[in-house]
Amino acid sequence: MKILNKAQVEALFQREAVLIGMEDVVPINRAAELFGKDAVNHACSVGTGSNWNIYGVGNYGIKYLTLDGFYAAATFYNIQQLREAEQE
C-alpha cells in the first residue's frame, strides 16, 4: 500500500469499519493487516478510549481502534514508508 492522505485514510476507515456499541471502529486484527502490528501497537500506546478500547460480550472481548486510533496507526505507517524511501 502507498502513503495515504487524510481523505484516503477516512475512506479506508469507512470501508473497514464495523459497528461496536454506538460507534464505527476497526478491529485491531484488521488494522494490523492494513498497517502492520507496530503501527497498531503505536496507536494503542497513546491511550485507552480516544484511540482504542475493548468491547466485551460474555467471555469474549474484541479490541478495536477508533477513528483517532486509525489515524495514529496510518500516520505511523506513513512515516515507516517515508523512512524506507529515504534509505533507498
N, C-alpha and C. Protein backbone atom coordinates (compact mmCIF):
# COMPACT_ATOMS: atom_id res chain seq x y z
N MET A 1 0.86 -1.18 0.00
CA MET A 1 0.00 0.00 0.00
C MET A 1 0.90 1.24 0.00
N LYS A 2 0.45 2.27 -0.67
CA LYS A 2 1.22 3.51 -0.76
C LYS A 2 0.93 4.42 0.43
N ILE A 3 1.65 5.52 0.50
CA ILE A 3 1.43 6.53 1.53
C ILE A 3 0.03 7.10 1.34
N LEU A 4 -0.65 7.32 2.45
CA LEU A 4 -2.05 7.74 2.42
C LEU A 4 -2.23 9.16 2.92
N ASN A 5 -3.16 9.89 2.32
CA ASN A 5 -3.52 11.20 2.86
C ASN A 5 -4.76 11.05 3.75
N LYS A 6 -5.19 12.13 4.35
CA LYS A 6 -6.31 12.08 5.30
C LYS A 6 -7.59 11.55 4.66
N ALA A 7 -7.91 12.03 3.47
CA ALA A 7 -9.14 11.59 2.80
C ALA A 7 -9.09 10.09 2.51
N GLN A 8 -7.93 9.60 2.11
CA GLN A 8 -7.78 8.17 1.83
C GLN A 8 -7.91 7.34 3.11
N VAL A 9 -7.35 7.84 4.20
CA VAL A 9 -7.45 7.13 5.48
C VAL A 9 -8.91 7.10 5.94
N GLU A 10 -9.60 8.21 5.80
CA GLU A 10 -11.02 8.25 6.18
C GLU A 10 -11.85 7.29 5.34
N ALA A 11 -11.58 7.23 4.04
CA ALA A 11 -12.31 6.32 3.16
C ALA A 11 -11.99 4.86 3.52
N LEU A 12 -10.75 4.58 3.83
CA LEU A 12 -10.35 3.24 4.23
C LEU A 12 -11.02 2.85 5.55
N PHE A 13 -11.08 3.80 6.48
CA PHE A 13 -11.76 3.56 7.76
C PHE A 13 -13.23 3.22 7.51
N GLN A 14 -13.89 4.01 6.68
CA GLN A 14 -15.31 3.76 6.39
C GLN A 14 -15.53 2.40 5.74
N ARG A 15 -14.59 2.00 4.88
CA ARG A 15 -14.71 0.70 4.22
C ARG A 15 -14.52 -0.46 5.19
N GLU A 16 -13.64 -0.29 6.17
CA GLU A 16 -13.28 -1.38 7.09
C GLU A 16 -14.06 -1.36 8.40
N ALA A 17 -14.77 -0.30 8.67
CA ALA A 17 -15.42 -0.12 9.97
C ALA A 17 -16.57 -1.10 10.20
N VAL A 18 -16.74 -1.45 11.46
CA VAL A 18 -17.88 -2.23 11.93
C VAL A 18 -18.48 -1.49 13.12
N LEU A 19 -19.74 -1.73 13.36
CA LEU A 19 -20.41 -1.10 14.49
C LEU A 19 -20.12 -1.88 15.76
N ILE A 20 -19.58 -1.20 16.75
CA ILE A 20 -19.38 -1.77 18.08
C ILE A 20 -19.99 -0.76 19.05
N GLY A 21 -20.99 -1.20 19.79
CA GLY A 21 -21.68 -0.26 20.67
C GLY A 21 -22.44 0.74 19.83
N MET A 22 -22.02 2.01 19.94
CA MET A 22 -22.70 3.06 19.19
C MET A 22 -21.76 3.81 18.26
N GLU A 23 -20.60 3.21 17.94
CA GLU A 23 -19.71 3.90 17.02
C GLU A 23 -19.04 2.92 16.07
N ASP A 24 -18.63 3.46 14.94
CA ASP A 24 -17.88 2.67 13.97
C ASP A 24 -16.44 2.60 14.41
N VAL A 25 -15.87 1.40 14.32
CA VAL A 25 -14.50 1.14 14.73
C VAL A 25 -13.90 0.09 13.78
N VAL A 26 -12.60 -0.09 13.87
CA VAL A 26 -11.93 -1.13 13.09
C VAL A 26 -11.26 -2.10 14.06
N PRO A 27 -11.59 -3.38 13.97
CA PRO A 27 -10.95 -4.37 14.83
C PRO A 27 -9.42 -4.33 14.68
N ILE A 28 -8.74 -4.53 15.79
CA ILE A 28 -7.28 -4.47 15.82
C ILE A 28 -6.65 -5.39 14.78
N ASN A 29 -7.17 -6.61 14.66
CA ASN A 29 -6.55 -7.55 13.72
C ASN A 29 -6.63 -7.04 12.29
N ARG A 30 -7.72 -6.39 11.93
CA ARG A 30 -7.85 -5.85 10.56
C ARG A 30 -6.93 -4.65 10.37
N ALA A 31 -6.84 -3.79 11.38
CA ALA A 31 -5.93 -2.64 11.29
C ALA A 31 -4.49 -3.11 11.15
N ALA A 32 -4.12 -4.19 11.86
CA ALA A 32 -2.76 -4.74 11.76
C ALA A 32 -2.50 -5.29 10.37
N GLU A 33 -3.50 -5.88 9.74
CA GLU A 33 -3.34 -6.37 8.36
C GLU A 33 -3.08 -5.21 7.41
N LEU A 34 -3.69 -4.07 7.67
CA LEU A 34 -3.54 -2.91 6.79
C LEU A 34 -2.23 -2.17 7.02
N PHE A 35 -1.90 -1.91 8.28
CA PHE A 35 -0.78 -1.02 8.62
C PHE A 35 0.40 -1.71 9.31
N GLY A 36 0.22 -2.95 9.76
CA GLY A 36 1.27 -3.66 10.47
C GLY A 36 1.07 -3.59 11.98
N LYS A 37 1.61 -4.58 12.66
CA LYS A 37 1.46 -4.66 14.12
C LYS A 37 2.12 -3.51 14.84
N ASP A 38 3.28 -3.05 14.35
CA ASP A 38 3.97 -1.93 15.00
C ASP A 38 3.12 -0.66 14.98
N ALA A 39 2.43 -0.42 13.87
CA ALA A 39 1.57 0.76 13.76
C ALA A 39 0.41 0.68 14.74
N VAL A 40 -0.18 -0.50 14.87
CA VAL A 40 -1.30 -0.68 15.81
C VAL A 40 -0.80 -0.56 17.24
N ASN A 41 0.35 -1.14 17.54
CA ASN A 41 0.91 -1.01 18.88
C ASN A 41 1.17 0.44 19.23
N HIS A 42 1.64 1.21 18.26
CA HIS A 42 1.85 2.64 18.48
C HIS A 42 0.53 3.33 18.81
N ALA A 43 -0.49 3.06 18.01
CA ALA A 43 -1.80 3.68 18.24
C ALA A 43 -2.33 3.32 19.62
N CYS A 44 -2.13 2.09 20.04
CA CYS A 44 -2.62 1.66 21.35
C CYS A 44 -1.79 2.21 22.50
N SER A 45 -0.54 2.56 22.24
CA SER A 45 0.31 3.09 23.31
C SER A 45 -0.08 4.50 23.69
N VAL A 46 -0.82 5.16 22.84
CA VAL A 46 -1.20 6.55 23.10
C VAL A 46 -2.25 6.65 24.19
N GLY A 47 -3.14 5.68 24.33
CA GLY A 47 -4.10 5.72 25.42
C GLY A 47 -5.43 5.07 25.09
N THR A 48 -6.05 4.55 26.12
CA THR A 48 -7.36 3.92 26.01
C THR A 48 -8.44 4.97 25.81
N GLY A 49 -9.49 4.59 25.13
CA GLY A 49 -10.66 5.47 24.99
C GLY A 49 -10.64 6.29 23.73
N SER A 50 -9.65 7.17 23.61
CA SER A 50 -9.64 8.02 22.42
C SER A 50 -9.12 7.29 21.19
N ASN A 51 -8.19 6.36 21.36
CA ASN A 51 -7.60 5.65 20.21
C ASN A 51 -8.04 4.20 20.11
N TRP A 52 -8.26 3.54 21.21
CA TRP A 52 -8.62 2.13 21.18
C TRP A 52 -9.43 1.78 22.42
N ASN A 53 -10.05 0.63 22.37
CA ASN A 53 -10.79 0.13 23.52
C ASN A 53 -11.07 -1.35 23.30
N ILE A 54 -11.72 -1.95 24.26
CA ILE A 54 -12.14 -3.35 24.18
C ILE A 54 -13.62 -3.40 24.50
N TYR A 55 -14.37 -4.12 23.69
CA TYR A 55 -15.80 -4.31 23.93
C TYR A 55 -16.00 -5.78 24.24
N GLY A 56 -16.64 -6.04 25.35
CA GLY A 56 -16.85 -7.42 25.77
C GLY A 56 -18.29 -7.85 25.68
N VAL A 57 -18.47 -9.10 25.25
CA VAL A 57 -19.78 -9.74 25.23
C VAL A 57 -19.57 -11.13 25.82
N GLY A 58 -20.14 -11.35 26.99
CA GLY A 58 -19.92 -12.63 27.65
C GLY A 58 -18.45 -12.80 27.99
N ASN A 59 -17.88 -13.92 27.58
CA ASN A 59 -16.47 -14.17 27.87
C ASN A 59 -15.56 -13.80 26.69
N TYR A 60 -16.06 -13.02 25.75
CA TYR A 60 -15.27 -12.61 24.59
C TYR A 60 -15.16 -11.09 24.55
N GLY A 61 -13.95 -10.61 24.30
CA GLY A 61 -13.74 -9.18 24.14
C GLY A 61 -13.01 -8.91 22.84
N ILE A 62 -13.42 -7.87 22.15
CA ILE A 62 -12.75 -7.50 20.90
C ILE A 62 -12.09 -6.14 21.08
N LYS A 63 -10.81 -6.11 20.76
CA LYS A 63 -10.04 -4.88 20.84
C LYS A 63 -10.15 -4.18 19.49
N TYR A 64 -10.34 -2.87 19.53
CA TYR A 64 -10.56 -2.12 18.29
C TYR A 64 -9.92 -0.75 18.33
N LEU A 65 -9.75 -0.17 17.14
CA LEU A 65 -9.29 1.21 17.00
C LEU A 65 -10.46 2.11 16.66
N THR A 66 -10.49 3.27 17.29
CA THR A 66 -11.43 4.31 16.91
C THR A 66 -10.86 5.02 15.68
N LEU A 67 -11.59 5.99 15.17
CA LEU A 67 -11.07 6.76 14.04
C LEU A 67 -9.76 7.44 14.42
N ASP A 68 -9.68 8.01 15.63
CA ASP A 68 -8.43 8.64 16.06
C ASP A 68 -7.28 7.63 16.10
N GLY A 69 -7.55 6.43 16.59
CA GLY A 69 -6.53 5.40 16.62
C GLY A 69 -6.14 4.95 15.22
N PHE A 70 -7.11 4.90 14.34
CA PHE A 70 -6.85 4.53 12.95
C PHE A 70 -5.95 5.58 12.30
N TYR A 71 -6.21 6.87 12.60
CA TYR A 71 -5.33 7.94 12.12
C TYR A 71 -3.91 7.74 12.64
N ALA A 72 -3.80 7.41 13.93
CA ALA A 72 -2.47 7.22 14.53
C ALA A 72 -1.73 6.06 13.89
N ALA A 73 -2.41 4.96 13.65
CA ALA A 73 -1.78 3.81 13.00
C ALA A 73 -1.38 4.15 11.57
N ALA A 74 -2.24 4.85 10.84
CA ALA A 74 -1.93 5.24 9.47
C ALA A 74 -0.74 6.20 9.42
N THR A 75 -0.67 7.10 10.39
CA THR A 75 0.46 8.04 10.46
C THR A 75 1.76 7.28 10.69
N PHE A 76 1.74 6.34 11.62
CA PHE A 76 2.92 5.52 11.88
C PHE A 76 3.33 4.78 10.61
N TYR A 77 2.36 4.20 9.93
CA TYR A 77 2.61 3.50 8.67
C TYR A 77 3.23 4.45 7.63
N ASN A 78 2.66 5.64 7.48
CA ASN A 78 3.18 6.61 6.52
C ASN A 78 4.64 6.96 6.83
N ILE A 79 4.93 7.17 8.10
CA ILE A 79 6.30 7.52 8.49
C ILE A 79 7.26 6.37 8.19
N GLN A 80 6.82 5.16 8.42
CA GLN A 80 7.65 3.99 8.05
C GLN A 80 7.94 4.00 6.55
N GLN A 81 6.92 4.26 5.74
CA GLN A 81 7.10 4.29 4.29
C GLN A 81 8.03 5.41 3.86
N LEU A 82 7.90 6.58 4.47
CA LEU A 82 8.77 7.71 4.15
C LEU A 82 10.21 7.42 4.55
N ARG A 83 10.39 6.82 5.70
CA ARG A 83 11.74 6.47 6.17
C ARG A 83 12.39 5.46 5.21
N GLU A 84 11.64 4.46 4.80
CA GLU A 84 12.17 3.46 3.86
C GLU A 84 12.55 4.11 2.52
N ALA A 85 11.74 5.06 2.06
CA ALA A 85 12.03 5.74 0.79
C ALA A 85 13.32 6.56 0.90
N GLU A 86 13.57 7.15 2.05
CA GLU A 86 14.80 7.93 2.24
C GLU A 86 16.03 7.03 2.22
N GLN A 87 15.89 5.81 2.64
CA GLN A 87 17.02 4.89 2.73
C GLN A 87 17.36 4.24 1.39
N GLU A 88 16.52 4.42 0.41
CA GLU A 88 16.76 3.80 -0.90
C GLU A 88 17.75 4.58 -1.71
